[in-house]
C-alpha cells in the first residue's frame, strides 16, 4: 500500500469478499477511499475515468480488464502465477513488489491476454450447447492500455 500511495494521487479499495474490508483495516488507512461492496460500485469506479487496477483478486482484476483498464495482479499463490504464464495476465509476485511495482505503474505498458481458444471450446462443448462453444463467442484476446497515475 505504501508503494501504491507513492505512485498514485488517489487510491480506491473495492472489497470483493466480505473479509477484504477487515483485512484493509488491519493494514491501516493509508488514505484509501472505500467503495461500497457491490459490483455496481466497482463498475462505476472503473467507468469513471482512466485508472489502473492493482490487486490480489483475479476476478476483480479481470473485471478491470473488461473495462479496458491496465491491471497488475499481485500473485499470492500459484493460481495467479500459472494463469499469468499461460495467458499473459500481468502478475507480480508479492516478494517482488518493492522492486517491480513502481516501474510498472510509472511506465506505459499494454496488457495483452491470449486465451487458449481450443481448450476453452473443448471445455464448453461438454455442456452440449453449440452456440456457447461457437468460435465467435470465444474471445481470442483482450487488451487494455491506459496512462499511469490513475486511480
C-alpha atoms as a PDB file:
ATOM      1  CA  UNK A   1       0.000   0.000   0.000  1.00  0.00           C
ATOM      2  CA  UNK A   2       2.916   2.350   0.665  1.00  0.00           C
ATOM      3  CA  UNK A   3       4.197   1.682  -2.852  1.00  0.00           C
ATOM      4  CA  UNK A   4       0.792   2.435  -4.353  1.00  0.00           C
ATOM      5  CA  UNK A   5       0.394   5.573  -2.248  1.00  0.00           C
ATOM      6  CA  UNK A   6       3.728   6.841  -3.597  1.00  0.00           C
ATOM      7  CA  UNK A   7       2.690   6.161  -7.204  1.00  0.00           C
ATOM      8  CA  UNK A   8      -0.926   7.322  -7.322  1.00  0.00           C
ATOM      9  CA  UNK A   9      -2.721  10.529  -6.407  1.00  0.00           C
ATOM     10  CA  UNK A  10      -5.844   8.662  -5.328  1.00  0.00           C
ATOM     11  CA  UNK A  11      -6.452   5.097  -4.130  1.00  0.00           C
ATOM     12  CA  UNK A  12      -9.785   3.297  -4.123  1.00  0.00           C
ATOM     13  CA  UNK A  13     -10.479  -0.046  -2.484  1.00  0.00           C
ATOM     14  CA  UNK A  14     -13.211  -2.433  -3.577  1.00  0.00           C
ATOM     15  CA  UNK A  15     -13.909  -5.332  -1.195  1.00  0.00           C
ATOM     16  CA  UNK A  16     -14.581  -8.338  -3.418  1.00  0.00           C
ATOM     17  CA  UNK A  17     -15.117 -10.611  -0.408  1.00  0.00           C
ATOM     18  CA  UNK A  18     -16.674  -9.690   2.968  1.00  0.00           C
ATOM     19  CA  UNK A  19     -13.397 -10.224   4.830  1.00  0.00           C
ATOM     20  CA  UNK A  20     -11.446  -7.919   2.475  1.00  0.00           C
ATOM     21  CA  UNK A  21     -12.599  -4.799   4.325  1.00  0.00           C
ATOM     22  CA  UNK A  22     -11.379  -6.196   7.626  1.00  0.00           C
ATOM     23  CA  UNK A  23      -8.029  -7.012   6.055  1.00  0.00           C
ATOM     24  CA  UNK A  24      -7.619  -3.442   4.828  1.00  0.00           C
ATOM     25  CA  UNK A  25      -8.466  -2.166   8.296  1.00  0.00           C
ATOM     26  CA  UNK A  26      -5.668  -4.312   9.735  1.00  0.00           C
ATOM     27  CA  UNK A  27      -3.217  -2.878   7.192  1.00  0.00           C
ATOM     28  CA  UNK A  28      -4.074   0.715   8.089  1.00  0.00           C
ATOM     29  CA  UNK A  29      -5.915   3.588   6.477  1.00  0.00           C
ATOM     30  CA  UNK A  30      -3.269   4.855   4.001  1.00  0.00           C
ATOM     31  CA  UNK A  31      -5.809   7.467   2.819  1.00  0.00           C
ATOM     32  CA  UNK A  32      -7.710   4.901   0.795  1.00  0.00           C
ATOM     33  CA  UNK A  33     -11.300   5.580  -0.243  1.00  0.00           C
ATOM     34  CA  UNK A  34     -13.530   2.543   0.219  1.00  0.00           C
ATOM     35  CA  UNK A  35     -16.079   1.645  -2.399  1.00  0.00           C
ATOM     36  CA  UNK A  36     -19.370   0.049  -1.465  1.00  0.00           C
ATOM     37  CA  UNK A  37     -19.118  -3.756  -1.517  1.00  0.00           C
ATOM     38  CA  UNK A  38     -21.160  -4.138  -4.697  1.00  0.00           C
ATOM     39  CA  UNK A  39     -20.352  -4.894  -8.297  1.00  0.00           C
ATOM     40  CA  UNK A  40     -22.288  -1.771  -9.318  1.00  0.00           C
ATOM     41  CA  UNK A  41     -19.984   0.414  -7.204  1.00  0.00           C
ATOM     42  CA  UNK A  42     -16.898  -1.236  -8.676  1.00  0.00           C
ATOM     43  CA  UNK A  43     -18.197  -0.905 -12.238  1.00  0.00           C
ATOM     44  CA  UNK A  44     -18.982   2.779 -11.638  1.00  0.00           C
ATOM     45  CA  UNK A  45     -15.437   3.406 -10.372  1.00  0.00           C
ATOM     46  CA  UNK A  46     -13.957   1.566 -13.361  1.00  0.00           C
ATOM     47  CA  UNK A  47     -16.127   3.570 -15.759  1.00  0.00           C
ATOM     48  CA  UNK A  48     -15.402   6.932 -14.111  1.00  0.00           C
ATOM     49  CA  UNK A  49     -12.167   7.524 -15.970  1.00  0.00           C
ATOM     50  CA  UNK A  50      -8.651   6.268 -16.547  1.00  0.00           C
ATOM     51  CA  UNK A  51      -7.376   4.094 -13.746  1.00  0.00           C
ATOM     52  CA  UNK A  52      -5.212   1.080 -13.051  1.00  0.00           C
ATOM     53  CA  UNK A  53      -6.325  -1.996 -11.152  1.00  0.00           C
ATOM     54  CA  UNK A  54      -3.703  -3.407  -8.805  1.00  0.00           C
ATOM     55  CA  UNK A  55      -4.783  -6.193  -6.519  1.00  0.00           C
ATOM     56  CA  UNK A  56      -4.705  -9.775  -5.389  1.00  0.00           C
ATOM     57  CA  UNK A  57      -8.162 -10.830  -6.565  1.00  0.00           C
ATOM     58  CA  UNK A  58      -8.264 -12.396 -10.030  1.00  0.00           C
ATOM     59  CA  UNK A  59     -11.958 -11.777 -10.634  1.00  0.00           C
ATOM     60  CA  UNK A  60     -11.708  -8.113  -9.721  1.00  0.00           C
ATOM     61  CA  UNK A  61      -8.685  -7.727 -11.957  1.00  0.00           C
ATOM     62  CA  UNK A  62     -10.409  -9.394 -14.900  1.00  0.00           C
ATOM     63  CA  UNK A  63     -13.385  -7.088 -14.357  1.00  0.00           C
ATOM     64  CA  UNK A  64     -10.988  -4.161 -14.609  1.00  0.00           C
ATOM     65  CA  UNK A  65      -9.538  -5.572 -17.810  1.00  0.00           C
ATOM     66  CA  UNK A  66     -13.027  -5.912 -19.287  1.00  0.00           C
ATOM     67  CA  UNK A  67     -13.434  -2.162 -18.665  1.00  0.00           C
ATOM     68  CA  UNK A  68     -10.239  -1.507 -20.630  1.00  0.00           C
ATOM     69  CA  UNK A  69      -8.093  -0.783 -17.586  1.00  0.00           C
ATOM     70  CA  UNK A  70      -4.470  -1.698 -17.045  1.00  0.00           C
ATOM     71  CA  UNK A  71      -4.200  -4.436 -14.486  1.00  0.00           C
ATOM     72  CA  UNK A  72      -1.448  -5.795 -12.296  1.00  0.00           C
ATOM     73  CA  UNK A  73      -2.267  -8.908 -10.303  1.00  0.00           C
ATOM     74  CA  UNK A  74      -0.258  -9.384  -7.146  1.00  0.00           C
ATOM     75  CA  UNK A  75       0.393 -13.128  -7.277  1.00  0.00           C
ATOM     76  CA  UNK A  76      -0.006 -14.527  -3.799  1.00  0.00           C
ATOM     77  CA  UNK A  77      -0.473 -18.116  -4.915  1.00  0.00           C
ATOM     78  CA  UNK A  78       0.339 -20.489  -7.758  1.00  0.00           C
ATOM     79  CA  UNK A  79      -3.034 -19.967  -9.420  1.00  0.00           C
ATOM     80  CA  UNK A  80      -2.332 -16.355 -10.400  1.00  0.00           C
ATOM     81  CA  UNK A  81       1.238 -17.155 -11.496  1.00  0.00           C
ATOM     82  CA  UNK A  82       0.127 -20.097 -13.628  1.00  0.00           C
ATOM     83  CA  UNK A  83      -2.750 -18.208 -15.245  1.00  0.00           C
ATOM     84  CA  UNK A  84      -0.358 -15.325 -15.923  1.00  0.00           C
ATOM     85  CA  UNK A  85       2.208 -17.618 -17.521  1.00  0.00           C
ATOM     86  CA  UNK A  86      -0.432 -19.270 -19.726  1.00  0.00           C
ATOM     87  CA  UNK A  87      -2.391 -16.187 -20.792  1.00  0.00           C
ATOM     88  CA  UNK A  88      -0.117 -13.174 -20.426  1.00  0.00           C
ATOM     89  CA  UNK A  89      -2.051 -11.802 -17.448  1.00  0.00           C
ATOM     90  CA  UNK A  90       0.355  -9.302 -15.856  1.00  0.00           C
ATOM     91  CA  UNK A  91       1.390 -10.611 -12.470  1.00  0.00           C
ATOM     92  CA  UNK A  92       3.956  -9.579  -9.899  1.00  0.00           C
ATOM     93  CA  UNK A  93       4.981 -11.905  -7.084  1.00  0.00           C
ATOM     94  CA  UNK A  94       4.411 -10.415  -3.644  1.00  0.00           C
ATOM     95  CA  UNK A  95       8.126 -10.880  -2.927  1.00  0.00           C
ATOM     96  CA  UNK A  96       8.978  -8.693  -5.969  1.00  0.00           C
ATOM     97  CA  UNK A  97       6.565  -5.817  -5.314  1.00  0.00           C
ATOM     98  CA  UNK A  98       9.099  -3.343  -3.945  1.00  0.00           C
ATOM     99  CA  UNK A  99      11.444  -3.812  -6.875  1.00  0.00           C
ATOM    100  CA  UNK A 100       8.976  -4.177  -9.784  1.00  0.00           C
ATOM    101  CA  UNK A 101       5.735  -2.372  -8.972  1.00  0.00           C
ATOM    102  CA  UNK A 102       6.958   1.260  -9.070  1.00  0.00           C
ATOM    103  CA  UNK A 103       8.440   0.846 -12.557  1.00  0.00           C
ATOM    104  CA  UNK A 104       5.358  -0.952 -13.860  1.00  0.00           C
ATOM    105  CA  UNK A 105       2.970   1.668 -12.557  1.00  0.00           C
ATOM    106  CA  UNK A 106       5.092   4.639 -13.656  1.00  0.00           C
ATOM    107  CA  UNK A 107       5.638   3.339 -17.186  1.00  0.00           C
ATOM    108  CA  UNK A 108       3.302   2.803 -20.069  1.00  0.00           C
ATOM    109  CA  UNK A 109       2.546  -0.814 -20.781  1.00  0.00           C
ATOM    110  CA  UNK A 110      -0.013  -2.744 -22.745  1.00  0.00           C
ATOM    111  CA  UNK A 111      -1.878  -5.734 -21.405  1.00  0.00           C
ATOM    112  CA  UNK A 112      -2.400  -8.458 -23.993  1.00  0.00           C
ATOM    113  CA  UNK A 113      -4.250 -11.540 -22.859  1.00  0.00           C
ATOM    114  CA  UNK A 114      -4.181 -14.617 -25.069  1.00  0.00           C
ATOM    115  CA  UNK A 115      -6.778 -17.214 -24.257  1.00  0.00           C
ATOM    116  CA  UNK A 116      -6.305 -20.885 -25.166  1.00  0.00           C
ATOM    117  CA  UNK A 117      -9.274 -20.949 -27.585  1.00  0.00           C
ATOM    118  CA  UNK A 118      -9.167 -24.660 -28.334  1.00  0.00           C
ATOM    119  CA  UNK A 119      -9.114 -25.597 -24.653  1.00  0.00           C
ATOM    120  CA  UNK A 120     -11.993 -23.209 -23.894  1.00  0.00           C
ATOM    121  CA  UNK A 121     -14.017 -24.550 -26.816  1.00  0.00           C
ATOM    122  CA  UNK A 122     -13.380 -28.150 -25.740  1.00  0.00           C
ATOM    123  CA  UNK A 123     -14.437 -27.355 -22.186  1.00  0.00           C
ATOM    124  CA  UNK A 124     -17.648 -25.611 -23.273  1.00  0.00           C
ATOM    125  CA  UNK A 125     -18.602 -28.328 -25.770  1.00  0.00           C
ATOM    126  CA  UNK A 126     -19.014 -30.828 -22.965  1.00  0.00           C
ATOM    127  CA  UNK A 127     -22.177 -28.967 -21.949  1.00  0.00           C
ATOM    128  CA  UNK A 128     -23.790 -29.676 -25.322  1.00  0.00           C
ATOM    129  CA  UNK A 129     -24.715 -26.120 -26.311  1.00  0.00           C
ATOM    130  CA  UNK A 130     -23.201 -25.449 -29.752  1.00  0.00           C
ATOM    131  CA  UNK A 131     -23.917 -21.694 -29.511  1.00  0.00           C
ATOM    132  CA  UNK A 132     -21.851 -21.379 -26.333  1.00  0.00           C
ATOM    133  CA  UNK A 133     -18.909 -23.205 -27.866  1.00  0.00           C
ATOM    134  CA  UNK A 134     -19.010 -21.346 -31.203  1.00  0.00           C
ATOM    135  CA  UNK A 135     -15.699 -19.657 -32.061  1.00  0.00           C
ATOM    136  CA  UNK A 136     -17.301 -16.216 -32.333  1.00  0.00           C
ATOM    137  CA  UNK A 137     -18.328 -16.475 -28.670  1.00  0.00           C
ATOM    138  CA  UNK A 138     -14.797 -17.262 -27.504  1.00  0.00           C
ATOM    139  CA  UNK A 139     -12.629 -14.171 -27.381  1.00  0.00           C
ATOM    140  CA  UNK A 140      -9.156 -14.768 -28.727  1.00  0.00           C
ATOM    141  CA  UNK A 141      -7.559 -11.868 -26.910  1.00  0.00           C
ATOM    142  CA  UNK A 142      -8.286  -8.926 -24.669  1.00  0.00           C
ATOM    143  CA  UNK A 143      -6.104  -5.879 -24.464  1.00  0.00           C
ATOM    144  CA  UNK A 144      -6.061  -2.718 -22.441  1.00  0.00           C
ATOM    145  CA  UNK A 145      -3.908   0.332 -22.184  1.00  0.00           C
ATOM    146  CA  UNK A 146      -4.043   3.429 -20.059  1.00  0.00           C
ATOM    147  CA  UNK A 147      -1.817   6.137 -18.771  1.00  0.00           C
ATOM    148  CA  UNK A 148      -0.091   5.927 -15.398  1.00  0.00           C
ATOM    149  CA  UNK A 149      -1.120   7.987 -12.358  1.00  0.00           C
ATOM    150  CA  UNK A 150      -4.710   6.738 -12.426  1.00  0.00           C
ATOM    151  CA  UNK A 151      -6.783   5.548  -9.508  1.00  0.00           C
END
